[in-house]
C-alpha atoms as a PDB file:
ATOM      1  CA  MET A   1     169.736 -13.549  41.841  1.00  0.00           C
ATOM      2  CA  VAL A   2     167.988 -11.167  44.300  1.00  0.00           C
ATOM      3  CA  ILE A   3     168.503  -7.971  42.370  1.00  0.00           C
ATOM      4  CA  ILE A   4     166.915  -9.704  39.266  1.00  0.00           C
ATOM      5  CA  GLU A   5     163.862 -10.618  41.070  1.00  0.00           C
ATOM      6  CA  GLU A   6     163.170  -7.120  42.183  1.00  0.00           C
ATOM      7  CA  LEU A   7     163.917  -5.628  38.802  1.00  0.00           C
ATOM      8  CA  TYR A   8     161.631  -8.163  37.298  1.00  0.00           C
ATOM      9  CA  PHE A   9     158.754  -7.229  39.728  1.00  0.00           C
ATOM     10  CA  ALA A  10     159.371  -3.457  39.115  1.00  0.00           C
ATOM     11  CA  LEU A  11     159.484  -3.797  35.202  1.00  0.00           C
ATOM     12  CA  PRO A  12     155.845  -2.811  34.681  1.00  0.00           C
ATOM     13  CA  ILE A  13     156.606   0.052  36.914  1.00  0.00           C
ATOM     14  CA  TYR A  14     159.446   1.344  35.194  1.00  0.00           C
ATOM     15  CA  VAL A  15     157.631   1.044  31.759  1.00  0.00           C
ATOM     16  CA  SER A  16     154.840   2.799  33.243  1.00  0.00           C
ATOM     17  CA  ASN A  17     156.912   5.459  34.153  1.00  0.00           C
ATOM     18  CA  MET A  18     158.596   5.783  30.548  1.00  0.00           C
ATOM     19  CA  SER A  19     155.215   5.268  28.740  1.00  0.00           C
ATOM     20  CA  PRO A  20     154.236   8.973  28.752  1.00  0.00           C
ATOM     21  CA  VAL A  21     157.651   9.808  26.702  1.00  0.00           C
ATOM     22  CA  PHE A  22     156.630   7.158  24.268  1.00  0.00           C
ATOM     23  CA  ALA A  23     153.068   8.431  24.087  1.00  0.00           C
ATOM     24  CA  ARG A  24     154.172  11.903  23.460  1.00  0.00           C
ATOM     25  CA  ARG A  25     154.007  11.587  19.809  1.00  0.00           C
ATOM     26  CA  ILE A  26     150.235  10.506  20.033  1.00  0.00           C
ATOM     27  CA  ASN A  27     147.916  13.449  19.811  1.00  0.00           C
ATOM     28  CA  PHE A  28     145.302  12.119  22.097  1.00  0.00           C
ATOM     29  CA  LEU A  29     144.260  13.180  25.332  1.00  0.00           C
ATOM     30  CA  ASN A  30     146.927  15.834  25.440  1.00  0.00           C
ATOM     31  CA  TYR A  31     145.467  18.169  27.980  1.00  0.00           C
ATOM     32  CA  PRO A  32     147.030  19.198  31.110  1.00  0.00           C
ATOM     33  CA  ILE A  33     145.781  17.507  34.183  1.00  0.00           C
ATOM     34  CA  ASN A  34     145.866  20.623  36.184  1.00  0.00           C
ATOM     35  CA  GLU A  35     148.228  23.299  34.895  1.00  0.00           C
ATOM     36  CA  LYS A  36     147.926  25.326  37.885  1.00  0.00           C
ATOM     37  CA  LEU A  37     149.146  22.693  40.268  1.00  0.00           C
ATOM     38  CA  PHE A  38     151.339  20.170  38.415  1.00  0.00           C
ATOM     39  CA  GLY A  39     152.488  22.019  35.123  1.00  0.00           C
ATOM     40  CA  SER A  40     151.652  21.908  31.482  1.00  0.00           C
ATOM     41  CA  HIS A  41     153.854  18.738  30.849  1.00  0.00           C
ATOM     42  CA  LYS A  42     151.366  16.246  33.043  1.00  0.00           C
ATOM     43  CA  THR A  43     148.643  15.122  30.718  1.00  0.00           C
ATOM     44  CA  TYR A  44     145.845  12.915  30.699  1.00  0.00           C
ATOM     45  CA  ARG A  45     147.594  11.051  27.944  1.00  0.00           C
ATOM     46  CA  GLY A  46     150.475  10.369  30.412  1.00  0.00           C
ATOM     47  CA  LEU A  47     148.033   9.201  32.983  1.00  0.00           C
ATOM     48  CA  VAL A  48     146.210   6.879  30.542  1.00  0.00           C
ATOM     49  CA  SER A  49     149.500   5.677  28.895  1.00  0.00           C
ATOM     50  CA  GLY A  50     151.178   5.147  32.311  1.00  0.00           C
ATOM     51  CA  ILE A  51     148.344   3.057  33.630  1.00  0.00           C
ATOM     52  CA  LEU A  52     147.931   0.957  30.311  1.00  0.00           C
ATOM     53  CA  ALA A  53     151.500   0.223  30.280  1.00  0.00           C
ATOM     54  CA  SER A  54     151.579  -1.158  33.811  1.00  0.00           C
ATOM     55  CA  ILE A  55     148.475  -3.219  33.159  1.00  0.00           C
ATOM     56  CA  ILE A  56     149.774  -4.711  29.920  1.00  0.00           C
ATOM     57  CA  PHE A  57     153.063  -5.782  31.475  1.00  0.00           C
ATOM     58  CA  PHE A  58     151.571  -7.101  34.446  1.00  0.00           C
ATOM     59  CA  TYR A  59     149.444  -9.329  32.013  1.00  0.00           C
ATOM     60  CA  ILE A  60     152.733 -10.181  30.446  1.00  0.00           C
ATOM     61  CA  GLN A  61     154.358 -11.474  33.487  1.00  0.00           C
ATOM     62  CA  LEU A  62     151.188 -13.246  34.299  1.00  0.00           C
ATOM     63  CA  TYR A  63     151.563 -15.231  31.084  1.00  0.00           C
ATOM     64  CA  LEU A  64     155.400 -15.732  31.495  1.00  0.00           C
ATOM     65  CA  TYR A  65     154.611 -17.060  34.875  1.00  0.00           C
ATOM     66  CA  ARG A  66     153.853 -20.378  33.513  1.00  0.00           C
ATOM     67  CA  PHE A  67     157.669 -20.952  32.964  1.00  0.00           C
ATOM     68  CA  ASN A  68     159.856 -22.159  35.492  1.00  0.00           C
ATOM     69  CA  ALA A  69     162.584 -19.866  34.671  1.00  0.00           C
ATOM     70  CA  ILE A  70     160.316 -16.945  35.102  1.00  0.00           C
ATOM     71  CA  LYS A  71     158.699 -18.476  38.414  1.00  0.00           C
ATOM     72  CA  SER A  72     162.089 -18.628  39.817  1.00  0.00           C
ATOM     73  CA  ILE A  73     162.760 -14.999  39.550  1.00  0.00           C
ATOM     74  CA  SER A  74     159.329 -13.933  40.452  1.00  0.00           C
ATOM     75  CA  LEU A  75     158.920 -12.170  43.872  1.00  0.00           C
ATOM     76  CA  ILE A  76     154.841 -12.771  43.574  1.00  0.00           C
ATOM     77  CA  ASN A  77     152.698 -15.452  42.597  1.00  0.00           C
ATOM     78  CA  TYR A  78     151.166 -14.063  39.376  1.00  0.00           C
ATOM     79  CA  ASN A  79     148.266 -16.664  39.522  1.00  0.00           C
ATOM     80  CA  GLU A  80     147.393 -15.394  42.896  1.00  0.00           C
ATOM     81  CA  ILE A  81     146.651 -11.543  42.306  1.00  0.00           C
ATOM     82  CA  ASN A  82     144.154  -9.715  40.407  1.00  0.00           C
ATOM     83  CA  VAL A  83     146.428  -8.618  37.444  1.00  0.00           C
ATOM     84  CA  LEU A  84     144.198  -5.917  36.394  1.00  0.00           C
ATOM     85  CA  LEU A  85     143.905  -4.362  39.548  1.00  0.00           C
ATOM     86  CA  ILE A  86     147.654  -4.300  40.532  1.00  0.00           C
ATOM     87  CA  GLY A  87     148.392  -3.196  37.202  1.00  0.00           C
ATOM     88  CA  PHE A  88     146.092  -0.308  37.429  1.00  0.00           C
ATOM     89  CA  LEU A  89     147.245   0.397  41.105  1.00  0.00           C
ATOM     90  CA  ALA A  90     150.833   0.302  39.984  1.00  0.00           C
ATOM     91  CA  GLY A  91     150.395   2.763  37.083  1.00  0.00           C
ATOM     92  CA  PHE A  92     148.213   4.970  38.991  1.00  0.00           C
ATOM     93  CA  GLY A  93     150.916   4.887  41.921  1.00  0.00           C
ATOM     94  CA  VAL A  94     153.529   5.821  39.340  1.00  0.00           C
ATOM     95  CA  ILE A  95     151.708   8.980  37.837  1.00  0.00           C
ATOM     96  CA  THR A  96     150.444   9.783  41.299  1.00  0.00           C
ATOM     97  CA  GLY A  97     154.105   9.864  42.724  1.00  0.00           C
ATOM     98  CA  ASP A  98     155.230  11.979  39.607  1.00  0.00           C
ATOM     99  CA  LEU A  99     152.298  14.469  40.069  1.00  0.00           C
ATOM    100  CA  ILE A 100     153.053  15.166  43.666  1.00  0.00           C
ATOM    101  CA  LYS A 101     156.526  15.626  43.096  1.00  0.00           C
ATOM    102  CA  SER A 102     155.580  17.860  40.187  1.00  0.00           C
ATOM    103  CA  TYR A 103     153.380  19.729  42.479  1.00  0.00           C
ATOM    104  CA  PHE A 104     156.436  20.403  44.946  1.00  0.00           C
ATOM    105  CA  LYS A 105     158.735  21.206  41.873  1.00  0.00           C
ATOM    106  CA  ARG A 106     156.351  23.929  40.658  1.00  0.00           C
ATOM    107  CA  ARG A 107     156.153  25.238  44.123  1.00  0.00           C
ATOM    108  CA  LYS A 108     160.073  25.702  44.068  1.00  0.00           C
ATOM    109  CA  ASN A 109     159.967  27.282  40.938  1.00  0.00           C
ATOM    110  CA  ILE A 110     161.871  24.350  39.184  1.00  0.00           C
ATOM    111  CA  LYS A 111     161.283  24.480  35.214  1.00  0.00           C
ATOM    112  CA  PRO A 112     159.585  21.200  33.625  1.00  0.00           C
ATOM    113  CA  GLY A 113     162.630  19.010  32.589  1.00  0.00           C
ATOM    114  CA  LYS A 114     165.165  20.434  35.023  1.00  0.00           C
ATOM    115  CA  SER A 115     166.446  17.820  37.289  1.00  0.00           C
ATOM    116  CA  TRP A 116     165.568  17.651  40.875  1.00  0.00           C
ATOM    117  CA  ILE A 117     167.521  15.184  42.552  1.00  0.00           C
ATOM    118  CA  PRO A 118     166.640  12.789  44.181  1.00  0.00           C
ATOM    119  CA  PHE A 119     163.012  13.283  43.732  1.00  0.00           C
ATOM    120  CA  ASP A 120     162.826  12.883  40.008  1.00  0.00           C
ATOM    121  CA  GLN A 121     164.476   9.382  40.347  1.00  0.00           C
ATOM    122  CA  LEU A 122     162.263   8.341  43.078  1.00  0.00           C
ATOM    123  CA  ASP A 123     158.875   9.754  42.966  1.00  0.00           C
ATOM    124  CA  PHE A 124     157.510   7.067  40.618  1.00  0.00           C
ATOM    125  CA  ILE A 125     158.705   4.100  42.226  1.00  0.00           C
ATOM    126  CA  LEU A 126     157.664   5.167  45.979  1.00  0.00           C
ATOM    127  CA  GLY A 127     154.250   6.026  44.438  1.00  0.00           C
ATOM    128  CA  ALA A 128     153.858   2.540  43.188  1.00  0.00           C
ATOM    129  CA  LEU A 129     155.260   0.907  46.105  1.00  0.00           C
ATOM    130  CA  ILE A 130     152.996   2.838  48.654  1.00  0.00           C
ATOM    131  CA  VAL A 131     149.918   2.105  46.441  1.00  0.00           C
ATOM    132  CA  LEU A 132     150.699  -1.605  46.046  1.00  0.00           C
ATOM    133  CA  TYR A 133     151.550  -2.209  49.516  1.00  0.00           C
ATOM    134  CA  PRO A 134     148.144  -3.095  50.905  1.00  0.00           C
ATOM    135  CA  PHE A 135     148.066  -5.631  48.435  1.00  0.00           C
ATOM    136  CA  ILE A 136     151.552  -6.814  47.825  1.00  0.00           C
ATOM    137  CA  LYS A 137     153.696  -6.970  50.850  1.00  0.00           C
ATOM    138  CA  LEU A 138     157.495  -6.868  49.696  1.00  0.00           C
ATOM    139  CA  SER A 139     160.091  -7.434  51.906  1.00  0.00           C
ATOM    140  CA  LEU A 140     162.114  -4.461  53.485  1.00  0.00           C
ATOM    141  CA  LYS A 141     165.071  -5.670  51.676  1.00  0.00           C
ATOM    142  CA  SER A 142     163.245  -5.814  48.314  1.00  0.00           C
ATOM    143  CA  ILE A 143     162.010  -2.287  48.875  1.00  0.00           C
ATOM    144  CA  LEU A 144     165.320  -0.949  49.777  1.00  0.00           C
ATOM    145  CA  ILE A 145     166.898  -2.734  46.523  1.00  0.00           C
ATOM    146  CA  LEU A 146     164.537  -0.969  44.365  1.00  0.00           C
ATOM    147  CA  ILE A 147     165.064   2.614  46.144  1.00  0.00           C
ATOM    148  CA  VAL A 148     168.521   2.180  45.729  1.00  0.00           C
ATOM    149  CA  LEU A 149     168.899   0.661  42.306  1.00  0.00           C
ATOM    150  CA  THR A 150     165.942   2.914  40.553  1.00  0.00           C
ATOM    151  CA  PRO A 151     167.850   6.343  40.687  1.00  0.00           C
ATOM    152  CA  PHE A 152     170.843   4.585  38.538  1.00  0.00           C
ATOM    153  CA  LEU A 153     168.576   2.986  36.141  1.00  0.00           C
ATOM    154  CA  HIS A 154     166.344   6.112  35.943  1.00  0.00           C
ATOM    155  CA  VAL A 155     169.434   8.329  34.924  1.00  0.00           C
ATOM    156  CA  GLY A 156     170.916   5.538  32.492  1.00  0.00           C
ATOM    157  CA  ALA A 157     167.169   5.318  30.739  1.00  0.00           C
ATOM    158  CA  ASN A 158     167.110   9.163  30.601  1.00  0.00           C
ATOM    159  CA  HIS A 159     170.659   9.276  28.873  1.00  0.00           C
ATOM    160  CA  VAL A 160     169.517   6.503  26.325  1.00  0.00           C
ATOM    161  CA  ALA A 161     166.310   8.342  25.598  1.00  0.00           C
ATOM    162  CA  TYR A 162     168.173  11.734  25.271  1.00  0.00           C
ATOM    163  CA  TYR A 163     170.586  10.102  22.699  1.00  0.00           C
ATOM    164  CA  ILE A 164     167.742   8.373  20.694  1.00  0.00           C
ATOM    165  CA  LYS A 165     166.157  11.755  20.647  1.00  0.00           C
ATOM    166  CA  LEU A 166     163.169  10.812  22.759  1.00  0.00           C
ATOM    167  CA  ARG A 167     164.103  13.531  25.561  1.00  0.00           C
ATOM    168  CA  LYS A 168     165.541  16.757  25.406  1.00  0.00           C
ATOM    169  CA  GLU A 169     167.518  16.547  28.599  1.00  0.00           C
ATOM    170  CA  LYS A 170     169.927  13.628  29.391  1.00  0.00           C
ATOM    171  CA  TRP A 171     170.076  14.032  33.324  1.00  0.00           C
END
């Protein structure tokens, strides 16, 4: 049950990280944030979609929190948090973590889309957890579970996205 609690908490974070891939088909805000620093693939569209996805999924969790089955797997009391703020911060943390990793990836001359293990698998979850920490104090155990599980889930999700033609690489 413990792993389910962490995964349920992290669901908006994971969706936020995946949303730029789905938003790629929308020709809105398709401008690099700063091509020189982060590369051409980090766009305002990705930033906005990541934040919106996180907010929407935290609101869904708030709605579902009324059900006992959901309460039993929730690490936090959704009635006691500002869901808009937490959703915004989580999405912002996801994208910021990805931008920081992209900055260093560009400095190492690693091409966009090429794997940089383990940073590609951890950047977004670490970014979100760091930004959320002043507002949501997860236990060390929960943080470690998320850090250990996330790379496996990230690679699995990328493989699925590759096979359904949403990504060009399956790493």
